[in-house]
Amino acid sequence: LKAGLPTPQTEWPAPWDTQKRIDAAYPRSQVGIEWDSRQWHSRVEDFQRDRQRDRNALLHGWRVFRFTWHDVTARPHDVVDTIRTALNRPFVAM
């Protein structure tokens, strides 16, 4: 990849609920990426569902990073830096 990141798995089954999917995942590092758009994340229920999903991920040792279209198009270096840092830094639960 141009960004220098390994290719993630797409539509990865969420370990805490295999009926759910993570948009992009690095399973060995337990790092997930969610691409949030207004189409799927504009209602209050969607917002609540996403927060519950994030809590479930943390409880199962996963770090899920959410990025918007603006992040990807206007600040792609921030997206890449965030993921690179997450992949290179082990998760320490408190």
C-alpha atoms as a PDB file:
ATOM      1  CA  LEU A   1       0.000   0.000   0.000  1.00  0.00           C
ATOM      2  CA  LYS A   2       1.091   3.563  -0.592  1.00  0.00           C
ATOM      3  CA  ALA A   3       0.538   4.318   3.081  1.00  0.00           C
ATOM      4  CA  GLY A   4       2.984   1.611   4.085  1.00  0.00           C
ATOM      5  CA  LEU A   5       0.441  -0.203   6.228  1.00  0.00           C
ATOM      6  CA  PRO A   6      -0.282  -3.913   5.979  1.00  0.00           C
ATOM      7  CA  THR A   7      -3.522  -4.749   4.199  1.00  0.00           C
ATOM      8  CA  PRO A   8      -6.343  -5.112   6.737  1.00  0.00           C
ATOM      9  CA  GLN A   9      -9.018  -7.780   6.692  1.00  0.00           C
ATOM     10  CA  THR A  10     -12.304  -6.277   5.577  1.00  0.00           C
ATOM     11  CA  GLU A  11     -15.731  -7.037   7.004  1.00  0.00           C
ATOM     12  CA  TRP A  12     -14.089  -9.005   9.820  1.00  0.00           C
ATOM     13  CA  PRO A  13     -16.543 -10.795  12.167  1.00  0.00           C
ATOM     14  CA  ALA A  14     -16.524  -9.029  15.528  1.00  0.00           C
ATOM     15  CA  PRO A  15     -15.210 -11.539  18.105  1.00  0.00           C
ATOM     16  CA  TRP A  16     -17.794 -10.391  20.668  1.00  0.00           C
ATOM     17  CA  ASP A  17     -20.701 -10.856  18.207  1.00  0.00           C
ATOM     18  CA  THR A  18     -20.033 -12.743  14.967  1.00  0.00           C
ATOM     19  CA  GLN A  19     -23.290 -11.393  13.543  1.00  0.00           C
ATOM     20  CA  LYS A  20     -21.565  -7.974  13.476  1.00  0.00           C
ATOM     21  CA  ARG A  21     -18.672  -6.922  11.250  1.00  0.00           C
ATOM     22  CA  ILE A  22     -15.702  -4.594  11.666  1.00  0.00           C
ATOM     23  CA  ASP A  23     -15.144  -2.531   8.514  1.00  0.00           C
ATOM     24  CA  ALA A  24     -11.392  -3.187   8.509  1.00  0.00           C
ATOM     25  CA  ALA A  25      -9.399  -5.180  11.043  1.00  0.00           C
ATOM     26  CA  TYR A  26      -5.939  -6.253  12.014  1.00  0.00           C
ATOM     27  CA  PRO A  27      -6.939  -9.328  14.038  1.00  0.00           C
ATOM     28  CA  ARG A  28      -3.462 -10.227  15.338  1.00  0.00           C
ATOM     29  CA  SER A  29      -3.137  -6.737  16.834  1.00  0.00           C
ATOM     30  CA  GLN A  30      -6.824  -6.571  17.765  1.00  0.00           C
ATOM     31  CA  VAL A  31      -7.147  -3.221  16.006  1.00  0.00           C
ATOM     32  CA  GLY A  32     -10.342  -2.340  14.175  1.00  0.00           C
ATOM     33  CA  ILE A  33     -11.263   0.517  11.878  1.00  0.00           C
ATOM     34  CA  GLU A  34     -14.765   1.814  11.343  1.00  0.00           C
ATOM     35  CA  TRP A  35     -15.509   4.145   8.439  1.00  0.00           C
ATOM     36  CA  ASP A  36     -18.327   6.346   9.739  1.00  0.00           C
ATOM     37  CA  SER A  37     -20.558   8.070   7.214  1.00  0.00           C
ATOM     38  CA  ARG A  38     -23.632  10.195   7.755  1.00  0.00           C
ATOM     39  CA  GLN A  39     -25.706   7.663   5.850  1.00  0.00           C
ATOM     40  CA  TRP A  40     -25.261   5.034   8.583  1.00  0.00           C
ATOM     41  CA  HIS A  41     -24.462   7.186  11.597  1.00  0.00           C
ATOM     42  CA  SER A  42     -26.889  10.089  11.707  1.00  0.00           C
ATOM     43  CA  ARG A  43     -29.670   8.897  13.984  1.00  0.00           C
ATOM     44  CA  VAL A  44     -29.485   8.895  17.785  1.00  0.00           C
ATOM     45  CA  GLU A  45     -29.984   5.115  17.768  1.00  0.00           C
ATOM     46  CA  ASP A  46     -26.987   4.706  15.451  1.00  0.00           C
ATOM     47  CA  PHE A  47     -24.831   6.833  17.734  1.00  0.00           C
ATOM     48  CA  GLN A  48     -25.912   4.803  20.788  1.00  0.00           C
ATOM     49  CA  ARG A  49     -25.328   1.497  18.982  1.00  0.00           C
ATOM     50  CA  ASP A  50     -21.818   2.568  17.990  1.00  0.00           C
ATOM     51  CA  ARG A  51     -20.911   3.542  21.561  1.00  0.00           C
ATOM     52  CA  GLN A  52     -22.116   0.148  22.838  1.00  0.00           C
ATOM     53  CA  ARG A  53     -20.130  -1.536  20.084  1.00  0.00           C
ATOM     54  CA  ASP A  54     -17.003   0.410  21.093  1.00  0.00           C
ATOM     55  CA  ARG A  55     -17.436  -0.618  24.727  1.00  0.00           C
ATOM     56  CA  ASN A  56     -17.858  -4.265  23.729  1.00  0.00           C
ATOM     57  CA  ALA A  57     -14.692  -4.081  21.634  1.00  0.00           C
ATOM     58  CA  LEU A  58     -12.708  -2.695  24.571  1.00  0.00           C
ATOM     59  CA  LEU A  59     -14.061  -5.343  26.905  1.00  0.00           C
ATOM     60  CA  HIS A  60     -12.751  -7.963  24.477  1.00  0.00           C
ATOM     61  CA  GLY A  61      -9.317  -6.400  24.142  1.00  0.00           C
ATOM     62  CA  TRP A  62      -9.905  -4.615  20.824  1.00  0.00           C
ATOM     63  CA  ARG A  63      -9.167  -0.994  19.979  1.00  0.00           C
ATOM     64  CA  VAL A  64     -11.552   0.365  17.365  1.00  0.00           C
ATOM     65  CA  PHE A  65     -10.720   3.621  15.634  1.00  0.00           C
ATOM     66  CA  ARG A  66     -13.475   5.556  13.904  1.00  0.00           C
ATOM     67  CA  PHE A  67     -12.777   7.774  10.921  1.00  0.00           C
ATOM     68  CA  THR A  68     -15.064   9.976   8.861  1.00  0.00           C
ATOM     69  CA  TRP A  69     -14.999  10.802   5.165  1.00  0.00           C
ATOM     70  CA  HIS A  70     -13.459  14.129   6.122  1.00  0.00           C
ATOM     71  CA  ASP A  71     -10.666  12.335   7.987  1.00  0.00           C
ATOM     72  CA  VAL A  72      -9.905  10.143   4.990  1.00  0.00           C
ATOM     73  CA  THR A  73     -10.034  12.884   2.360  1.00  0.00           C
ATOM     74  CA  ALA A  74      -8.709  15.937   4.227  1.00  0.00           C
ATOM     75  CA  ARG A  75      -6.342  14.345   6.730  1.00  0.00           C
ATOM     76  CA  PRO A  76      -5.284  10.941   5.405  1.00  0.00           C
ATOM     77  CA  HIS A  77      -1.867  11.232   7.062  1.00  0.00           C
ATOM     78  CA  ASP A  78      -3.597  11.409  10.468  1.00  0.00           C
ATOM     79  CA  VAL A  79      -5.535   8.238   9.673  1.00  0.00           C
ATOM     80  CA  VAL A  80      -2.378   6.410   8.612  1.00  0.00           C
ATOM     81  CA  ASP A  81      -0.360   7.695  11.580  1.00  0.00           C
ATOM     82  CA  THR A  82      -3.077   6.641  14.012  1.00  0.00           C
ATOM     83  CA  ILE A  83      -3.289   3.117  12.620  1.00  0.00           C
ATOM     84  CA  ARG A  84       0.487   2.753  12.345  1.00  0.00           C
ATOM     85  CA  THR A  85       0.890   3.828  15.970  1.00  0.00           C
ATOM     86  CA  ALA A  86      -1.852   1.447  17.126  1.00  0.00           C
ATOM     87  CA  LEU A  87      -0.269  -1.473  15.273  1.00  0.00           C
ATOM     88  CA  ASN A  88       3.135  -0.731  16.803  1.00  0.00           C
ATOM     89  CA  ARG A  89       1.952  -0.130  20.337  1.00  0.00           C
ATOM     90  CA  PRO A  90       0.513  -2.982  22.393  1.00  0.00           C
ATOM     91  CA  PHE A  91      -2.794  -2.402  24.092  1.00  0.00           C
ATOM     92  CA  VAL A  92      -2.536  -2.169  27.851  1.00  0.00           C
ATOM     93  CA  ALA A  93      -5.801  -2.691  29.705  1.00  0.00           C
ATOM     94  CA  MET A  94      -6.165  -0.849  32.968  1.00  0.00           C
END
